[in-house]
Every structure is written in structure tokens, then in C-alpha cells.
Amino acid sequence: MTPRPDPRDDAAPTSVQPSGIDQPVVPAYNRIAATLRDRILAGELAPHDALPSERRLSEEAGVSRMTARAALTLLEREGHVYRRPARGSFVAEPRIGVRPGGFSDEVRRAGHVPGATLLHTERMGATALAAGALGLALGAPVLVTHRLRSVDGAPFALEMSTWPAVRFPDLLEHVGDGVEGFAGLGEVG
């Protein structure tokens, strides 16, 4: 008689392959998601292309619709897919990872064109938040800029920056539209 596995054992389930080596069992929804993810990342499926329906995925993979739905839900959480009720699932636009201070570089690295439009500038006293973050006295003079950031000409983010006026007294004369509007801040002031 073969001993039954202890249900309290938290080891990942395995299966014995023809080679005799135990391999982790990959849930079916992960395999389906991996196949679709690979096709998306390879460019076989372009942004806004319709994905197969849950029913079709389940039939092709020999799994339940619930399992196919779990694969699509995983891809949606990862940002590879978006859904439209009664229409289906579609390939999402690729995400652009952005680190603070590196928007333009990150957008270029992703193969896109960054942009910026200066919307508004003002001189004002530092708010409590700005004073604390910049190590200034409450009400100390600051310069505030508002820019619309874009990717490939499409609006992407609204950016507000606060600059200590004592460090950058002529900043507002140096900024303008364009991505490089704040380039060379080390020489300003």
C-alpha cells in the first residue's frame, strides 16, 4: 500500500517525469497565462488585439472556463490584458516603468518619445508639506511648476514640482516647454 501524503506538508506538489526527476506541477491557469504572455511580449499579439474567449481557451487547453478565466485575471493583474464587459479581453498597451526623476530616460529606454508642456509657474510660500520635504521654513519662497508629461504625444501625467527659490532664483526664466526644460539645473542660480 502506498502511503498517502500528509496534507499538512506545505511542499509544492510534484510529478515524476520520464527522466525520473520530480518536477513542480504548474497549475493550468499559469501555463495558459504564460503562453499568452509570451505571445504578447514577443509581439505576436499587438496592443488592443482581441484574445481568445474564455470558452475557446478552455476548449483548447482542455480545462474549465473557470481555469481559463483565472489565466486572464492573472494577465490583467500583471497589466498585460484589459477587459471590456460583453466584448472580451484585449492586449493592453505596454507599461512604462518610471523611477522618480527619470521619466524621460525611462520613456526613451522603452522606445517611446517623451514630452513635456509647461502649463503654469508661480512663486509662493512653502506649504507645510513642501517645507518639511525640502528642509525649508514654513512660508519660505519657493517656485512651483506644473507640466503635462506625454509619451508619443499622448498625455501621460500631470507633474507638479516645488523648487527652493534661494537655490534656483532664476528658474522660471530658464524653464519652457519640452522634455529638457529642466536640463542643466546645476548651472541655474
Protein backbone atom coordinates (compact mmCIF):
# COMPACT_ATOMS: atom_id res chain seq x y z
CA MET A 1 0.00 0.00 0.00
CA THR A 2 1.35 3.43 -0.98
CA PRO A 3 1.47 5.94 1.89
CA ARG A 4 -0.76 8.97 1.42
CA PRO A 5 0.94 12.39 1.53
CA ASP A 6 0.46 14.32 4.72
CA PRO A 7 -1.99 17.18 3.90
CA ARG A 8 -0.08 19.41 6.33
CA ASP A 9 3.03 19.11 4.18
CA ASP A 10 3.47 22.54 2.55
CA ALA A 11 5.88 21.36 -0.12
CA ALA A 12 4.85 22.14 -3.69
CA PRO A 13 3.19 19.25 -5.48
CA THR A 14 5.42 17.42 -7.90
CA SER A 15 5.08 14.94 -10.70
CA VAL A 16 7.57 12.34 -11.82
CA GLN A 17 8.76 12.98 -15.37
CA PRO A 18 10.01 10.24 -17.73
CA SER A 19 13.53 11.14 -16.62
CA GLY A 20 12.58 10.04 -13.09
CA ILE A 21 13.19 13.54 -11.71
CA ASP A 22 10.44 15.18 -9.67
CA GLN A 23 9.23 18.40 -11.30
CA PRO A 24 6.93 21.01 -9.74
CA VAL A 25 3.38 20.87 -11.04
CA VAL A 26 2.48 24.15 -12.74
CA PRO A 27 -1.21 24.99 -12.42
CA ALA A 28 -3.06 25.02 -15.74
CA TYR A 29 -4.03 28.68 -15.44
CA ASN A 30 -0.33 29.60 -15.05
CA ARG A 31 0.56 27.59 -18.17
CA ILE A 32 -2.21 29.29 -20.18
CA ALA A 33 -1.19 32.73 -18.90
CA ALA A 34 2.48 32.01 -19.67
CA THR A 35 1.67 31.05 -23.25
CA LEU A 36 -0.38 34.21 -23.82
CA ARG A 37 2.19 36.39 -22.01
CA ASP A 38 4.98 35.02 -24.20
CA ARG A 39 2.95 35.79 -27.35
CA ILE A 40 2.24 39.33 -26.12
CA LEU A 41 5.86 40.03 -25.19
CA ALA A 42 7.10 38.57 -28.49
CA GLY A 43 4.80 40.95 -30.38
CA GLU A 44 2.65 38.18 -31.87
CA LEU A 45 -0.31 39.85 -30.18
CA ALA A 46 -0.34 43.64 -30.51
CA PRO A 47 -1.95 46.19 -28.19
CA HIS A 48 -5.75 46.12 -28.45
CA ASP A 49 -5.80 42.74 -30.25
CA ALA A 50 -8.66 40.55 -29.01
CA LEU A 51 -7.62 37.48 -27.05
CA PRO A 52 -9.42 34.16 -27.41
CA SER A 53 -12.60 33.93 -25.33
CA GLU A 54 -12.65 32.05 -22.03
CA ARG A 55 -14.66 29.34 -23.76
CA ARG A 56 -12.14 28.97 -26.59
CA LEU A 57 -9.16 28.99 -24.20
CA SER A 58 -10.81 26.33 -22.04
CA GLU A 59 -11.56 24.12 -25.06
CA GLU A 60 -8.03 24.49 -26.49
CA ALA A 61 -6.35 23.76 -23.16
CA GLY A 62 -8.82 21.10 -22.04
CA VAL A 63 -9.66 22.94 -18.81
CA SER A 64 -12.73 24.51 -17.26
CA ARG A 65 -13.82 28.04 -18.12
CA MET A 66 -13.02 28.97 -14.52
CA THR A 67 -9.39 27.98 -15.12
CA ALA A 68 -9.26 29.98 -18.37
CA ARG A 69 -10.78 32.95 -16.52
CA ALA A 70 -8.08 32.65 -13.83
CA ALA A 71 -5.39 32.86 -16.54
CA LEU A 72 -6.92 36.04 -17.97
CA THR A 73 -7.33 37.51 -14.49
CA LEU A 74 -3.64 36.89 -13.79
CA LEU A 75 -2.65 38.63 -17.04
CA GLU A 76 -4.99 41.52 -16.21
CA ARG A 77 -3.39 41.94 -12.75
CA GLU A 78 0.04 41.95 -14.41
CA GLY A 79 -1.09 44.70 -16.79
CA HIS A 80 -0.82 42.64 -19.99
CA VAL A 81 -4.57 42.46 -20.59
CA TYR A 82 -7.65 44.63 -20.14
CA ARG A 83 -11.28 43.52 -20.29
CA ARG A 84 -14.41 45.05 -21.73
CA PRO A 85 -17.72 43.65 -20.49
CA ALA A 86 -19.58 41.71 -23.17
CA ARG A 87 -16.71 42.31 -25.61
CA GLY A 88 -13.86 40.19 -24.24
CA SER A 89 -10.23 40.52 -23.24
CA PHE A 90 -7.67 42.55 -25.16
CA VAL A 91 -3.90 43.08 -25.14
CA ALA A 92 -3.03 46.16 -23.08
CA GLU A 93 -0.57 48.86 -24.10
CA PRO A 94 2.88 48.03 -22.70
CA ARG A 95 3.55 49.56 -19.32
CA ILE A 96 6.34 52.03 -18.96
CA GLY A 97 8.18 51.72 -15.67
CA VAL A 98 9.18 55.08 -14.30
CA ARG A 99 11.54 55.87 -11.45
CA PRO A 100 11.20 59.27 -9.80
CA GLY A 101 13.41 61.77 -11.59
CA GLY A 102 13.92 59.55 -14.60
CA PHE A 103 10.72 59.89 -16.64
CA SER A 104 12.36 60.97 -19.91
CA ASP A 105 15.14 58.39 -19.71
CA GLU A 106 12.72 55.58 -18.87
CA VAL A 107 10.35 56.51 -21.70
CA ARG A 108 13.24 56.63 -24.19
CA ARG A 109 14.58 53.31 -22.87
CA ALA A 110 11.15 51.79 -23.59
CA GLY A 111 11.41 53.00 -27.21
CA HIS A 112 8.98 55.91 -26.93
CA VAL A 113 9.24 59.68 -27.22
CA PRO A 114 8.87 61.70 -24.00
CA GLY A 115 7.39 65.18 -23.98
CA ALA A 116 6.54 67.98 -21.60
CA THR A 117 4.40 71.09 -21.82
CA LEU A 118 4.78 73.81 -19.22
CA LEU A 119 1.28 74.68 -18.04
CA HIS A 120 1.80 77.06 -15.15
CA THR A 121 4.51 78.52 -12.92
CA GLU A 122 4.23 80.52 -9.73
CA ARG A 123 6.21 81.93 -6.83
CA MET A 124 4.70 81.25 -3.41
CA GLY A 125 5.43 80.45 0.20
CA ALA A 126 6.32 76.86 1.04
CA THR A 127 3.41 74.78 2.32
CA ALA A 128 3.94 72.57 5.37
CA LEU A 129 4.47 69.56 3.09
CA ALA A 130 6.97 71.36 0.82
CA ALA A 131 8.80 72.94 3.77
CA GLY A 132 9.19 69.59 5.52
CA ALA A 133 10.27 67.74 2.38
CA LEU A 134 12.76 70.40 1.26
CA GLY A 135 14.07 71.34 4.72
CA LEU A 136 12.74 74.92 4.49
CA ALA A 137 10.91 77.16 6.91
CA LEU A 138 7.13 77.25 6.52
CA GLY A 139 6.34 80.04 4.06
CA ALA A 140 9.91 80.24 2.67
CA PRO A 141 9.91 81.34 -1.00
CA VAL A 142 9.53 78.51 -3.48
CA LEU A 143 8.93 78.22 -7.22
CA VAL A 144 6.22 75.83 -8.38
CA THR A 145 5.97 74.42 -11.91
CA HIS A 146 3.13 72.39 -13.43
CA ARG A 147 3.87 70.35 -16.56
CA LEU A 148 1.87 67.93 -18.66
CA ARG A 149 4.10 64.94 -19.42
CA SER A 150 3.43 62.92 -22.56
CA VAL A 151 4.50 59.69 -24.23
CA ASP A 152 4.48 59.66 -28.04
CA GLY A 153 2.41 62.85 -27.94
CA ALA A 154 -0.34 61.36 -25.75
CA PRO A 155 -0.95 62.83 -22.26
CA PHE A 156 0.60 60.61 -19.59
CA ALA A 157 0.92 62.51 -16.28
CA LEU A 158 0.47 65.87 -14.66
CA GLU A 159 3.66 66.87 -12.84
CA MET A 160 3.95 69.49 -10.13
CA SER A 161 7.42 70.36 -8.84
CA THR A 162 8.40 72.67 -6.00
CA TRP A 163 11.86 74.28 -6.03
CA PRO A 164 13.57 76.28 -3.24
CA ALA A 165 13.77 79.86 -4.60
CA VAL A 166 17.01 80.52 -2.70
CA ARG A 167 18.74 77.71 -4.62
CA PHE A 168 17.13 78.37 -8.02
CA PRO A 169 16.32 82.11 -8.10
CA ASP A 170 16.18 82.34 -11.92
CA LEU A 171 14.50 79.00 -12.58
CA LEU A 172 11.31 80.42 -14.05
CA GLU A 173 13.30 82.29 -16.69
CA HIS A 174 15.06 79.07 -17.74
CA VAL A 175 12.17 76.63 -17.97
CA GLY A 176 9.99 76.24 -21.00
CA ASP A 177 8.20 73.63 -23.00
CA GLY A 178 9.95 70.45 -23.95
CA VAL A 179 11.49 67.46 -22.29
CA GLU A 180 14.77 69.15 -21.48
CA GLY A 181 13.16 72.20 -19.85
CA PHE A 182 14.92 71.45 -16.57
CA ALA A 183 18.22 70.25 -18.04
CA GLY A 184 21.25 71.92 -16.60
CA LEU A 185 19.72 72.82 -13.24
CA GLY A 186 23.16 72.54 -11.75
CA GLU A 187 24.13 75.72 -13.61
CA VAL A 188 20.96 77.64 -12.70
CA GLY A 189 21.29 80.08 -9.77
